[in-house]
Amino acid sequence: MSKDRLIYVDRTRAIAQLLFQRMEVFAGTYIGLNPSDDAGKYLVLAMDFSVVNERDVARSFTNVVNASIYDFSETYCQAGLLDKAVAIDDEDFASSLSNMASAVSLSGNKLSLIDR
């Protein structure tokens, strides 16, 4: 892993986790009929960094991360996998990430990050 990276994402593992989380893809197959103990325990935060604006990287990056966390929160709250919405800090994406990690931890689930 490069030392200059803020976040490291293992794409192969993240994609596999996403696929296994979406068990409907495997309906009727051995995997779908015999899920592992970890099935559905990974909540997936997908982020698309390709939309970060070069003219204001810091602000744009914060907006991208916060928008992804907002979508994550809405999706998993509606699915009943998070007890309450994640608090978003408009000025500090690290605070938003920390709030999300706490919410996931309290839910008893695990978190997986993917870059769309």
PDB file of N, CA and C in Angstrom:
ATOM      1  N   MET A   1       0.854  -1.185   0.000  1.00  0.00           N
ATOM      2  CA  MET A   1       0.000   0.000   0.000  1.00  0.00           C
ATOM      3  C   MET A   1       0.890   1.234   0.000  1.00  0.00           C
ATOM      4  N   SER A   2       0.554   2.175  -0.833  1.00  0.00           N
ATOM      5  CA  SER A   2       1.308   3.414  -0.933  1.00  0.00           C
ATOM      6  C   SER A   2       1.067   4.290   0.299  1.00  0.00           C
ATOM      7  N   LYS A   3       2.119   4.914   0.799  1.00  0.00           N
ATOM      8  CA  LYS A   3       1.991   5.751   1.991  1.00  0.00           C
ATOM      9  C   LYS A   3       1.279   7.070   1.715  1.00  0.00           C
ATOM     10  N   ASP A   4       1.182   7.468   0.447  1.00  0.00           N
ATOM     11  CA  ASP A   4       0.561   8.748   0.135  1.00  0.00           C
ATOM     12  C   ASP A   4      -0.950   8.643  -0.072  1.00  0.00           C
ATOM     13  N   ARG A   5      -1.519   7.487   0.116  1.00  0.00           N
ATOM     14  CA  ARG A   5      -2.963   7.324  -0.043  1.00  0.00           C
ATOM     15  C   ARG A   5      -3.690   7.591   1.261  1.00  0.00           C
ATOM     16  N   LEU A   6      -4.794   8.304   1.159  1.00  0.00           N
ATOM     17  CA  LEU A   6      -5.620   8.573   2.326  1.00  0.00           C
ATOM     18  C   LEU A   6      -6.446   7.335   2.679  1.00  0.00           C
ATOM     19  N   ILE A   7      -7.001   6.703   1.661  1.00  0.00           N
ATOM     20  CA  ILE A   7      -7.849   5.522   1.851  1.00  0.00           C
ATOM     21  C   ILE A   7      -7.390   4.461   0.870  1.00  0.00           C
ATOM     22  N   TYR A   8      -7.236   3.235   1.332  1.00  0.00           N
ATOM     23  CA  TYR A   8      -6.884   2.126   0.459  1.00  0.00           C
ATOM     24  C   TYR A   8      -8.103   1.242   0.292  1.00  0.00           C
ATOM     25  N   VAL A   9      -8.426   0.902  -0.938  1.00  0.00           N
ATOM     26  CA  VAL A   9      -9.565   0.041  -1.227  1.00  0.00           C
ATOM     27  C   VAL A   9      -9.071  -1.160  -2.014  1.00  0.00           C
ATOM     28  N   ASP A  10      -9.282  -2.349  -1.485  1.00  0.00           N
ATOM     29  CA  ASP A  10      -8.967  -3.576  -2.203  1.00  0.00           C
ATOM     30  C   ASP A  10     -10.172  -3.862  -3.093  1.00  0.00           C
ATOM     31  N   ARG A  11     -10.076  -3.485  -4.360  1.00  0.00           N
ATOM     32  CA  ARG A  11     -11.221  -3.580  -5.264  1.00  0.00           C
ATOM     33  C   ARG A  11     -11.733  -5.005  -5.415  1.00  0.00           C
ATOM     34  N   THR A  12     -10.854  -5.964  -5.555  1.00  0.00           N
ATOM     35  CA  THR A  12     -11.287  -7.348  -5.756  1.00  0.00           C
ATOM     36  C   THR A  12     -12.104  -7.829  -4.565  1.00  0.00           C
ATOM     37  N   ARG A  13     -11.588  -7.608  -3.376  1.00  0.00           N
ATOM     38  CA  ARG A  13     -12.297  -8.037  -2.169  1.00  0.00           C
ATOM     39  C   ARG A  13     -13.608  -7.258  -1.998  1.00  0.00           C
ATOM     40  N   ALA A  14     -13.568  -5.960  -2.250  1.00  0.00           N
ATOM     41  CA  ALA A  14     -14.771  -5.137  -2.087  1.00  0.00           C
ATOM     42  C   ALA A  14     -15.867  -5.567  -3.045  1.00  0.00           C
ATOM     43  N   ILE A  15     -15.500  -5.852  -4.279  1.00  0.00           N
ATOM     44  CA  ILE A  15     -16.497  -6.291  -5.262  1.00  0.00           C
ATOM     45  C   ILE A  15     -17.070  -7.637  -4.867  1.00  0.00           C
ATOM     46  N   ALA A  16     -16.216  -8.548  -4.412  1.00  0.00           N
ATOM     47  CA  ALA A  16     -16.697  -9.857  -3.973  1.00  0.00           C
ATOM     48  C   ALA A  16     -17.665  -9.703  -2.805  1.00  0.00           C
ATOM     49  N   GLN A  17     -17.329  -8.838  -1.850  1.00  0.00           N
ATOM     50  CA  GLN A  17     -18.204  -8.623  -0.700  1.00  0.00           C
ATOM     51  C   GLN A  17     -19.538  -8.034  -1.139  1.00  0.00           C
ATOM     52  N   LEU A  18     -19.492  -7.104  -2.078  1.00  0.00           N
ATOM     53  CA  LEU A  18     -20.724  -6.506  -2.583  1.00  0.00           C
ATOM     54  C   LEU A  18     -21.593  -7.560  -3.241  1.00  0.00           C
ATOM     55  N   LEU A  19     -20.993  -8.405  -4.052  1.00  0.00           N
ATOM     56  CA  LEU A  19     -21.756  -9.454  -4.729  1.00  0.00           C
ATOM     57  C   LEU A  19     -22.361 -10.435  -3.730  1.00  0.00           C
ATOM     58  N   PHE A  20     -21.582 -10.818  -2.741  1.00  0.00           N
ATOM     59  CA  PHE A  20     -22.106 -11.748  -1.754  1.00  0.00           C
ATOM     60  C   PHE A  20     -23.182 -11.116  -0.890  1.00  0.00           C
ATOM     61  N   GLN A  21     -23.103  -9.804  -0.713  1.00  0.00           N
ATOM     62  CA  GLN A  21     -24.141  -9.116   0.048  1.00  0.00           C
ATOM     63  C   GLN A  21     -25.455  -9.127  -0.718  1.00  0.00           C
ATOM     64  N   ARG A  22     -25.360  -9.030  -2.010  1.00  0.00           N
ATOM     65  CA  ARG A  22     -26.542  -8.996  -2.871  1.00  0.00           C
ATOM     66  C   ARG A  22     -26.941 -10.420  -3.240  1.00  0.00           C
ATOM     67  N   MET A  23     -27.377 -11.181  -2.263  1.00  0.00           N
ATOM     68  CA  MET A  23     -27.630 -12.599  -2.453  1.00  0.00           C
ATOM     69  C   MET A  23     -28.705 -12.888  -3.504  1.00  0.00           C
ATOM     70  N   GLU A  24     -29.558 -11.909  -3.832  1.00  0.00           N
ATOM     71  CA  GLU A  24     -30.573 -12.166  -4.845  1.00  0.00           C
ATOM     72  C   GLU A  24     -29.950 -12.520  -6.195  1.00  0.00           C
ATOM     73  N   VAL A  25     -28.725 -12.100  -6.418  1.00  0.00           N
ATOM     74  CA  VAL A  25     -28.007 -12.449  -7.643  1.00  0.00           C
ATOM     75  C   VAL A  25     -27.795 -13.956  -7.703  1.00  0.00           C
ATOM     76  N   PHE A  26     -27.682 -14.586  -6.542  1.00  0.00           N
ATOM     77  CA  PHE A  26     -27.372 -16.011  -6.463  1.00  0.00           C
ATOM     78  C   PHE A  26     -28.586 -16.872  -6.108  1.00  0.00           C
ATOM     79  N   ALA A  27     -29.781 -16.292  -6.222  1.00  0.00           N
ATOM     80  CA  ALA A  27     -30.985 -17.052  -5.888  1.00  0.00           C
ATOM     81  C   ALA A  27     -31.017 -18.353  -6.680  1.00  0.00           C
ATOM     82  N   GLY A  28     -31.290 -19.439  -5.978  1.00  0.00           N
ATOM     83  CA  GLY A  28     -31.384 -20.744  -6.621  1.00  0.00           C
ATOM     84  C   GLY A  28     -30.049 -21.438  -6.821  1.00  0.00           C
ATOM     85  N   THR A  29     -28.946 -20.768  -6.520  1.00  0.00           N
ATOM     86  CA  THR A  29     -27.630 -21.390  -6.667  1.00  0.00           C
ATOM     87  C   THR A  29     -27.175 -21.926  -5.309  1.00  0.00           C
ATOM     88  N   TYR A  30     -26.086 -22.668  -5.297  1.00  0.00           N
ATOM     89  CA  TYR A  30     -25.554 -23.203  -4.051  1.00  0.00           C
ATOM     90  C   TYR A  30     -25.251 -22.079  -3.067  1.00  0.00           C
ATOM     91  N   ILE A  31     -24.617 -21.017  -3.575  1.00  0.00           N
ATOM     92  CA  ILE A  31     -24.260 -19.893  -2.700  1.00  0.00           C
ATOM     93  C   ILE A  31     -25.516 -19.259  -2.116  1.00  0.00           C
ATOM     94  N   GLY A  32     -26.536 -19.079  -2.939  1.00  0.00           N
ATOM     95  CA  GLY A  32     -27.774 -18.468  -2.463  1.00  0.00           C
ATOM     96  C   GLY A  32     -28.525 -19.336  -1.480  1.00  0.00           C
ATOM     97  N   LEU A  33     -28.447 -20.635  -1.671  1.00  0.00           N
ATOM     98  CA  LEU A  33     -29.152 -21.566  -0.792  1.00  0.00           C
ATOM     99  C   LEU A  33     -28.366 -21.907   0.469  1.00  0.00           C
ATOM    100  N   ASN A  34     -27.052 -21.644   0.455  1.00  0.00           N
ATOM    101  CA  ASN A  34     -26.184 -21.967   1.580  1.00  0.00           C
ATOM    102  C   ASN A  34     -25.300 -20.776   1.943  1.00  0.00           C
ATOM    103  N   PRO A  35     -25.898 -19.682   2.410  1.00  0.00           N
ATOM    104  CA  PRO A  35     -25.099 -18.487   2.708  1.00  0.00           C
ATOM    105  C   PRO A  35     -24.134 -18.730   3.864  1.00  0.00           C
ATOM    106  N   SER A  36     -23.022 -17.999   3.837  1.00  0.00           N
ATOM    107  CA  SER A  36     -22.043 -18.097   4.923  1.00  0.00           C
ATOM    108  C   SER A  36     -22.568 -17.347   6.146  1.00  0.00           C
ATOM    109  N   ASP A  37     -21.882 -17.508   7.251  1.00  0.00           N
ATOM    110  CA  ASP A  37     -22.262 -16.799   8.473  1.00  0.00           C
ATOM    111  C   ASP A  37     -22.117 -15.284   8.324  1.00  0.00           C
ATOM    112  N   ASP A  38     -21.289 -14.835   7.377  1.00  0.00           N
ATOM    113  CA  ASP A  38     -21.064 -13.404   7.166  1.00  0.00           C
ATOM    114  C   ASP A  38     -22.027 -12.781   6.157  1.00  0.00           C
ATOM    115  N   ALA A  39     -22.921 -13.545   5.602  1.00  0.00           N
ATOM    116  CA  ALA A  39     -23.850 -13.023   4.585  1.00  0.00           C
ATOM    117  C   ALA A  39     -24.662 -11.867   5.152  1.00  0.00           C
ATOM    118  N   GLY A  40     -24.659 -10.753   4.449  1.00  0.00           N
ATOM    119  CA  GLY A  40     -25.440  -9.589   4.843  1.00  0.00           C
ATOM    120  C   GLY A  40     -24.871  -8.788   5.996  1.00  0.00           C
ATOM    121  N   LYS A  41     -23.690  -9.122   6.466  1.00  0.00           N
ATOM    122  CA  LYS A  41     -23.100  -8.397   7.591  1.00  0.00           C
ATOM    123  C   LYS A  41     -22.243  -7.225   7.153  1.00  0.00           C
ATOM    124  N   TYR A  42     -21.961  -7.118   5.872  1.00  0.00           N
ATOM    125  CA  TYR A  42     -21.137  -6.022   5.370  1.00  0.00           C
ATOM    126  C   TYR A  42     -22.030  -4.964   4.739  1.00  0.00           C
ATOM    127  N   LEU A  43     -21.991  -3.770   5.265  1.00  0.00           N
ATOM    128  CA  LEU A  43     -22.670  -2.646   4.651  1.00  0.00           C
ATOM    129  C   LEU A  43     -21.650  -2.001   3.718  1.00  0.00           C
ATOM    130  N   VAL A  44     -22.082  -1.638   2.529  1.00  0.00           N
ATOM    131  CA  VAL A  44     -21.154  -1.176   1.497  1.00  0.00           C
ATOM    132  C   VAL A  44     -21.287   0.321   1.290  1.00  0.00           C
ATOM    133  N   LEU A  45     -20.160   1.021   1.443  1.00  0.00           N
ATOM    134  CA  LEU A  45     -20.095   2.452   1.141  1.00  0.00           C
ATOM    135  C   LEU A  45     -19.416   2.592  -0.214  1.00  0.00           C
ATOM    136  N   ALA A  46     -20.174   3.026  -1.205  1.00  0.00           N
ATOM    137  CA  ALA A  46     -19.632   3.213  -2.551  1.00  0.00           C
ATOM    138  C   ALA A  46     -19.357   4.696  -2.767  1.00  0.00           C
ATOM    139  N   MET A  47     -18.164   4.990  -3.264  1.00  0.00           N
ATOM    140  CA  MET A  47     -17.794   6.381  -3.531  1.00  0.00           C
ATOM    141  C   MET A  47     -17.248   6.497  -4.949  1.00  0.00           C
ATOM    142  N   ASP A  48     -17.615   7.564  -5.623  1.00  0.00           N
ATOM    143  CA  ASP A  48     -17.159   7.818  -6.994  1.00  0.00           C
ATOM    144  C   ASP A  48     -16.268   9.053  -6.978  1.00  0.00           C
ATOM    145  N   PHE A  49     -14.955   8.819  -6.905  1.00  0.00           N
ATOM    146  CA  PHE A  49     -14.013   9.932  -6.820  1.00  0.00           C
ATOM    147  C   PHE A  49     -13.746  10.582  -8.174  1.00  0.00           C
ATOM    148  N   SER A  50     -14.284  10.011  -9.229  1.00  0.00           N
ATOM    149  CA  SER A  50     -14.057  10.597 -10.551  1.00  0.00           C
ATOM    150  C   SER A  50     -14.747  11.943 -10.711  1.00  0.00           C
ATOM    151  N   VAL A  51     -15.679  12.260  -9.828  1.00  0.00           N
ATOM    152  CA  VAL A  51     -16.406  13.526  -9.936  1.00  0.00           C
ATOM    153  C   VAL A  51     -15.791  14.639  -9.081  1.00  0.00           C
ATOM    154  N   VAL A  52     -14.661  14.362  -8.432  1.00  0.00           N
ATOM    155  CA  VAL A  52     -13.994  15.400  -7.642  1.00  0.00           C
ATOM    156  C   VAL A  52     -13.490  16.487  -8.583  1.00  0.00           C
ATOM    157  N   ASN A  53     -13.838  17.715  -8.266  1.00  0.00           N
ATOM    158  CA  ASN A  53     -13.489  18.871  -9.084  1.00  0.00           C
ATOM    159  C   ASN A  53     -12.047  19.291  -8.826  1.00  0.00           C
ATOM    160  N   GLU A  54     -11.259  19.393  -9.877  1.00  0.00           N
ATOM    161  CA  GLU A  54      -9.840  19.750  -9.748  1.00  0.00           C
ATOM    162  C   GLU A  54      -9.623  21.173  -9.241  1.00  0.00           C
ATOM    163  N   ARG A  55     -10.565  22.066  -9.468  1.00  0.00           N
ATOM    164  CA  ARG A  55     -10.382  23.469  -9.072  1.00  0.00           C
ATOM    165  C   ARG A  55     -10.497  23.693  -7.573  1.00  0.00           C
ATOM    166  N   ASP A  56     -11.258  22.838  -6.916  1.00  0.00           N
ATOM    167  CA  ASP A  56     -11.406  22.946  -5.461  1.00  0.00           C
ATOM    168  C   ASP A  56     -11.452  21.533  -4.895  1.00  0.00           C
ATOM    169  N   VAL A  57     -10.313  20.870  -4.920  1.00  0.00           N
ATOM    170  CA  VAL A  57     -10.233  19.457  -4.570  1.00  0.00           C
ATOM    171  C   VAL A  57     -10.711  19.190  -3.147  1.00  0.00           C
ATOM    172  N   ALA A  58     -10.259  19.969  -2.189  1.00  0.00           N
ATOM    173  CA  ALA A  58     -10.616  19.718  -0.789  1.00  0.00           C
ATOM    174  C   ALA A  58     -12.123  19.803  -0.566  1.00  0.00           C
ATOM    175  N   ARG A  59     -12.742  20.876  -1.038  1.00  0.00           N
ATOM    176  CA  ARG A  59     -14.190  21.059  -0.857  1.00  0.00           C
ATOM    177  C   ARG A  59     -14.961  19.987  -1.629  1.00  0.00           C
ATOM    178  N   SER A  60     -14.538  19.741  -2.854  1.00  0.00           N
ATOM    179  CA  SER A  60     -15.210  18.759  -3.699  1.00  0.00           C
ATOM    180  C   SER A  60     -15.096  17.357  -3.118  1.00  0.00           C
ATOM    181  N   PHE A  61     -13.905  17.008  -2.625  1.00  0.00           N
ATOM    182  CA  PHE A  61     -13.697  15.697  -2.008  1.00  0.00           C
ATOM    183  C   PHE A  61     -14.623  15.530  -0.805  1.00  0.00           C
ATOM    184  N   THR A  62     -14.681  16.559   0.037  1.00  0.00           N
ATOM    185  CA  THR A  62     -15.572  16.521   1.201  1.00  0.00           C
ATOM    186  C   THR A  62     -17.016  16.313   0.767  1.00  0.00           C
ATOM    187  N   ASN A  63     -17.437  17.026  -0.278  1.00  0.00           N
ATOM    188  CA  ASN A  63     -18.812  16.884  -0.767  1.00  0.00           C
ATOM    189  C   ASN A  63     -19.089  15.472  -1.291  1.00  0.00           C
ATOM    190  N   VAL A  64     -18.129  14.901  -2.019  1.00  0.00           N
ATOM    191  CA  VAL A  64     -18.300  13.547  -2.568  1.00  0.00           C
ATOM    192  C   VAL A  64     -18.422  12.532  -1.435  1.00  0.00           C
ATOM    193  N   VAL A  65     -17.524  12.620  -0.466  1.00  0.00           N
ATOM    194  CA  VAL A  65     -17.559  11.677   0.659  1.00  0.00           C
ATOM    195  C   VAL A  65     -18.862  11.838   1.442  1.00  0.00           C
ATOM    196  N   ASN A  66     -19.226  13.068   1.751  1.00  0.00           N
ATOM    197  CA  ASN A  66     -20.454  13.299   2.522  1.00  0.00           C
ATOM    198  C   ASN A  66     -21.708  12.848   1.763  1.00  0.00           C
ATOM    199  N   ALA A  67     -21.751  13.069   0.457  1.00  0.00           N
ATOM    200  CA  ALA A  67     -22.902  12.619  -0.339  1.00  0.00           C
ATOM    201  C   ALA A  67     -22.986  11.090  -0.334  1.00  0.00           C
ATOM    202  N   SER A  68     -21.845  10.444  -0.417  1.00  0.00           N
ATOM    203  CA  SER A  68     -21.825   8.977  -0.381  1.00  0.00           C
ATOM    204  C   SER A  68     -22.297   8.463   0.970  1.00  0.00           C
ATOM    205  N   ILE A  69     -21.862   9.117   2.042  1.00  0.00           N
ATOM    206  CA  ILE A  69     -22.284   8.716   3.387  1.00  0.00           C
ATOM    207  C   ILE A  69     -23.782   8.955   3.557  1.00  0.00           C
ATOM    208  N   TYR A  70     -24.288  10.057   3.026  1.00  0.00           N
ATOM    209  CA  TYR A  70     -25.726  10.346   3.101  1.00  0.00           C
ATOM    210  C   TYR A  70     -26.520   9.244   2.400  1.00  0.00           C
ATOM    211  N   ASP A  71     -26.111   8.875   1.180  1.00  0.00           N
ATOM    212  CA  ASP A  71     -26.799   7.805   0.442  1.00  0.00           C
ATOM    213  C   ASP A  71     -26.732   6.483   1.201  1.00  0.00           C
ATOM    214  N   PHE A  72     -25.561   6.176   1.750  1.00  0.00           N
ATOM    215  CA  PHE A  72     -25.351   4.979   2.557  1.00  0.00           C
ATOM    216  C   PHE A  72     -26.326   4.961   3.732  1.00  0.00           C
ATOM    217  N   SER A  73     -26.384   6.079   4.446  1.00  0.00           N
ATOM    218  CA  SER A  73     -27.237   6.199   5.617  1.00  0.00           C
ATOM    219  C   SER A  73     -28.708   6.010   5.258  1.00  0.00           C
ATOM    220  N   GLU A  74     -29.149   6.684   4.215  1.00  0.00           N
ATOM    221  CA  GLU A  74     -30.549   6.565   3.784  1.00  0.00           C
ATOM    222  C   GLU A  74     -30.885   5.127   3.402  1.00  0.00           C
ATOM    223  N   THR A  75     -30.021   4.505   2.626  1.00  0.00           N
ATOM    224  CA  THR A  75     -30.258   3.141   2.148  1.00  0.00           C
ATOM    225  C   THR A  75     -30.379   2.158   3.311  1.00  0.00           C
ATOM    226  N   TYR A  76     -29.407   2.207   4.217  1.00  0.00           N
ATOM    227  CA  TYR A  76     -29.389   1.210   5.287  1.00  0.00           C
ATOM    228  C   TYR A  76     -30.346   1.527   6.422  1.00  0.00           C
ATOM    229  N   CYS A  77     -30.721   2.782   6.612  1.00  0.00           N
ATOM    230  CA  CYS A  77     -31.775   3.108   7.578  1.00  0.00           C
ATOM    231  C   CYS A  77     -33.116   2.576   7.075  1.00  0.00           C
ATOM    232  N   GLN A  78     -33.403   2.801   5.791  1.00  0.00           N
ATOM    233  CA  GLN A  78     -34.652   2.316   5.212  1.00  0.00           C
ATOM    234  C   GLN A  78     -34.725   0.798   5.225  1.00  0.00           C
ATOM    235  N   ALA A  79     -33.573   0.141   5.089  1.00  0.00           N
ATOM    236  CA  ALA A  79     -33.529  -1.324   5.109  1.00  0.00           C
ATOM    237  C   ALA A  79     -33.567  -1.877   6.531  1.00  0.00           C
ATOM    238  N   GLY A  80     -33.499  -0.988   7.525  1.00  0.00           N
ATOM    239  CA  GLY A  80     -33.525  -1.417   8.915  1.00  0.00           C
ATOM    240  C   GLY A  80     -32.196  -1.940   9.433  1.00  0.00           C
ATOM    241  N   LEU A  81     -31.110  -1.655   8.717  1.00  0.00           N
ATOM    242  CA  LEU A  81     -29.794  -2.134   9.124  1.00  0.00           C
ATOM    243  C   LEU A  81     -28.998  -1.111   9.929  1.00  0.00           C
ATOM    244  N   LEU A  82     -29.472   0.116   9.959  1.00  0.00           N
ATOM    245  CA  LEU A  82     -28.918   1.160  10.822  1.00  0.00           C
ATOM    246  C   LEU A  82     -30.065   1.718  11.647  1.00  0.00           C
ATOM    247  N   ASP A  83     -29.805   1.971  12.927  1.00  0.00           N
ATOM    248  CA  ASP A  83     -30.864   2.445  13.811  1.00  0.00           C
ATOM    249  C   ASP A  83     -31.255   3.892  13.572  1.00  0.00           C
ATOM    250  N   LYS A  84     -30.267   4.729  13.209  1.00  0.00           N
ATOM    251  CA  LYS A  84     -30.566   6.134  12.965  1.00  0.00           C
ATOM    252  C   LYS A  84     -29.645   6.668  11.876  1.00  0.00           C
ATOM    253  N   ALA A  85     -30.041   7.793  11.301  1.00  0.00           N
ATOM    254  CA  ALA A  85     -29.258   8.397  10.213  1.00  0.00           C
ATOM    255  C   ALA A  85     -27.890   8.832  10.722  1.00  0.00           C
ATOM    256  N   VAL A  86     -26.910   8.736   9.853  1.00  0.00           N
ATOM    257  CA  VAL A  86     -25.546   9.154  10.177  1.00  0.00           C
ATOM    258  C   VAL A  86     -25.487  10.679  10.161  1.00  0.00           C
ATOM    259  N   ALA A  87     -24.896  11.266  11.198  1.00  0.00           N
ATOM    260  CA  ALA A  87     -24.719  12.720  11.257  1.00  0.00           C
ATOM    261  C   ALA A  87     -23.619  13.123  10.275  1.00  0.00           C
ATOM    262  N   ILE A  88     -23.956  14.040   9.372  1.00  0.00           N
ATOM    263  CA  ILE A  88     -23.017  14.524   8.362  1.00  0.00           C
ATOM    264  C   ILE A  88     -22.443  15.861   8.816  1.00  0.00           C
ATOM    265  N   ASP A  89     -21.122  15.975   8.792  1.00  0.00           N
ATOM    266  CA  ASP A  89     -20.439  17.232   9.114  1.00  0.00           C
ATOM    267  C   ASP A  89     -20.036  17.873   7.789  1.00  0.00           C
ATOM    268  N   ASP A  90     -20.720  18.950   7.401  1.00  0.00           N
ATOM    269  CA  ASP A  90     -20.485  19.579   6.096  1.00  0.00           C
ATOM    270  C   ASP A  90     -19.061  20.095   5.906  1.00  0.00           C
ATOM    271  N   GLU A  91     -18.360  20.356   6.990  1.00  0.00           N
ATOM    272  CA  GLU A  91     -17.019  20.931   6.896  1.00  0.00           C
ATOM    273  C   GLU A  91     -15.901  19.893   7.032  1.00  0.00           C
ATOM    274  N   ASP A  92     -16.207  18.729   7.591  1.00  0.00           N
ATOM    275  CA  ASP A  92     -15.153  17.770   7.920  1.00  0.00           C
ATOM    276  C   ASP A  92     -15.595  16.351   7.574  1.00  0.00           C
ATOM    277  N   PHE A  93     -15.152  15.850   6.404  1.00  0.00           N
ATOM    278  CA  PHE A  93     -15.559  14.519   5.972  1.00  0.00           C
ATOM    279  C   PHE A  93     -15.069  13.443   6.939  1.00  0.00           C
ATOM    280  N   ALA A  94     -13.924  13.667   7.605  1.00  0.00           N
ATOM    281  CA  ALA A  94     -13.392  12.678   8.545  1.00  0.00           C
ATOM    282  C   ALA A  94     -14.352  12.486   9.723  1.00  0.00           C
ATOM    283  N   SER A  95     -14.963  13.558  10.153  1.00  0.00           N
ATOM    284  CA  SER A  95     -15.955  13.469  11.221  1.00  0.00           C
ATOM    285  C   SER A  95     -17.170  12.673  10.743  1.00  0.00           C
ATOM    286  N   SER A  96     -17.594  12.926   9.515  1.00  0.00           N
ATOM    287  CA  SER A  96     -18.719  12.171   8.946  1.00  0.00           C
ATOM    288  C   SER A  96     -18.383  10.688   8.866  1.00  0.00           C
ATOM    289  N   LEU A  97     -17.159  10.363   8.421  1.00  0.00           N
ATOM    290  CA  LEU A  97     -16.732   8.961   8.341  1.00  0.00           C
ATOM    291  C   LEU A  97     -16.712   8.321   9.725  1.00  0.00           C
ATOM    292  N   SER A  98     -16.239   9.063  10.702  1.00  0.00           N
ATOM    293  CA  SER A  98     -16.211   8.554  12.075  1.00  0.00           C
ATOM    294  C   SER A  98     -17.623   8.283  12.586  1.00  0.00           C
ATOM    295  N   ASN A  99     -18.537   9.194  12.302  1.00  0.00           N
ATOM    296  CA  ASN A  99     -19.936   9.001  12.702  1.00  0.00           C
ATOM    297  C   ASN A  99     -20.528   7.767  12.035  1.00  0.00           C
ATOM    298  N   MET A 100     -20.193   7.566  10.757  1.00  0.00           N
ATOM    299  CA  MET A 100     -20.696   6.409  10.030  1.00  0.00           C
ATOM    300  C   MET A 100     -20.124   5.118  10.610  1.00  0.00           C
ATOM    301  N   ALA A 101     -18.827   5.110  10.882  1.00  0.00           N
ATOM    302  CA  ALA A 101     -18.191   3.923  11.454  1.00  0.00           C
ATOM    303  C   ALA A 101     -18.825   3.565  12.802  1.00  0.00           C
ATOM    304  N   SER A 102     -19.127   4.565  13.601  1.00  0.00           N
ATOM    305  CA  SER A 102     -19.780   4.323  14.895  1.00  0.00           C
ATOM    306  C   SER A 102     -21.169   3.729  14.707  1.00  0.00           C
ATOM    307  N   ALA A 103     -21.924   4.281  13.763  1.00  0.00           N
ATOM    308  CA  ALA A 103     -23.277   3.781  13.503  1.00  0.00           C
ATOM    309  C   ALA A 103     -23.240   2.328  13.028  1.00  0.00           C
ATOM    310  N   VAL A 104     -22.281   2.014  12.174  1.00  0.00           N
ATOM    311  CA  VAL A 104     -22.155   0.639  11.669  1.00  0.00           C
ATOM    312  C   VAL A 104     -21.759  -0.298  12.802  1.00  0.00           C
ATOM    313  N   SER A 105     -20.813   0.122  13.600  1.00  0.00           N
ATOM    314  CA  SER A 105     -20.361  -0.692  14.726  1.00  0.00           C
ATOM    315  C   SER A 105     -21.510  -0.976  15.697  1.00  0.00           C
ATOM    316  N   LEU A 106     -22.291   0.035  16.018  1.00  0.00           N
ATOM    317  CA  LEU A 106     -23.428  -0.138  16.924  1.00  0.00           C
ATOM    318  C   LEU A 106     -24.493  -1.055  16.337  1.00  0.00           C
ATOM    319  N   SER A 107     -24.559  -1.129  15.010  1.00  0.00           N
ATOM    320  CA  SER A 107     -25.557  -1.979  14.355  1.00  0.00           C
ATOM    321  C   SER A 107     -25.145  -3.448  14.349  1.00  0.00           C
ATOM    322  N   GLY A 108     -23.876  -3.717  14.692  1.00  0.00           N
ATOM    323  CA  GLY A 108     -23.394  -5.098  14.694  1.00  0.00           C
ATOM    324  C   GLY A 108     -22.948  -5.569  13.319  1.00  0.00           C
ATOM    325  N   ASN A 109     -22.918  -4.666  12.358  1.00  0.00           N
ATOM    326  CA  ASN A 109     -22.491  -5.007  11.004  1.00  0.00           C
ATOM    327  C   ASN A 109     -21.043  -4.604  10.787  1.00  0.00           C
ATOM    328  N   LYS A 110     -20.534  -4.900   9.599  1.00  0.00           N
ATOM    329  CA  LYS A 110     -19.185  -4.516   9.199  1.00  0.00           C
ATOM    330  C   LYS A 110     -19.296  -3.619   7.982  1.00  0.00           C
ATOM    331  N   LEU A 111     -18.243  -2.895   7.702  1.00  0.00           N
ATOM    332  CA  LEU A 111     -18.257  -1.926   6.620  1.00  0.00           C
ATOM    333  C   LEU A 111     -17.251  -2.322   5.523  1.00  0.00           C
ATOM    334  N   SER A 112     -17.681  -2.154   4.281  1.00  0.00           N
ATOM    335  CA  SER A 112     -16.812  -2.363   3.145  1.00  0.00           C
ATOM    336  C   SER A 112     -16.872  -1.124   2.269  1.00  0.00           C
ATOM    337  N   LEU A 113     -15.713  -0.668   1.787  1.00  0.00           N
ATOM    338  CA  LEU A 113     -15.639   0.505   0.922  1.00  0.00           C
ATOM    339  C   LEU A 113     -15.348   0.072  -0.500  1.00  0.00           C
ATOM    340  N   ILE A 114     -16.033   0.677  -1.456  1.00  0.00           N
ATOM    341  CA  ILE A 114     -15.711   0.438  -2.866  1.00  0.00           C
ATOM    342  C   ILE A 114     -15.667   1.764  -3.598  1.00  0.00           C
ATOM    343  N   ASP A 115     -14.843   1.807  -4.625  1.00  0.00           N
ATOM    344  CA  ASP A 115     -14.753   2.961  -5.507  1.00  0.00           C
ATOM    345  C   ASP A 115     -15.502   2.588  -6.771  1.00  0.00           C
ATOM    346  N   ARG A 116     -16.598   3.304  -7.033  1.00  0.00           N
ATOM    347  CA  ARG A 116     -17.424   2.970  -8.201  1.00  0.00           C
ATOM    348  C   ARG A 116     -16.699   3.211  -9.470  1.00  0.00           C
TER     349      ARG A 116
END
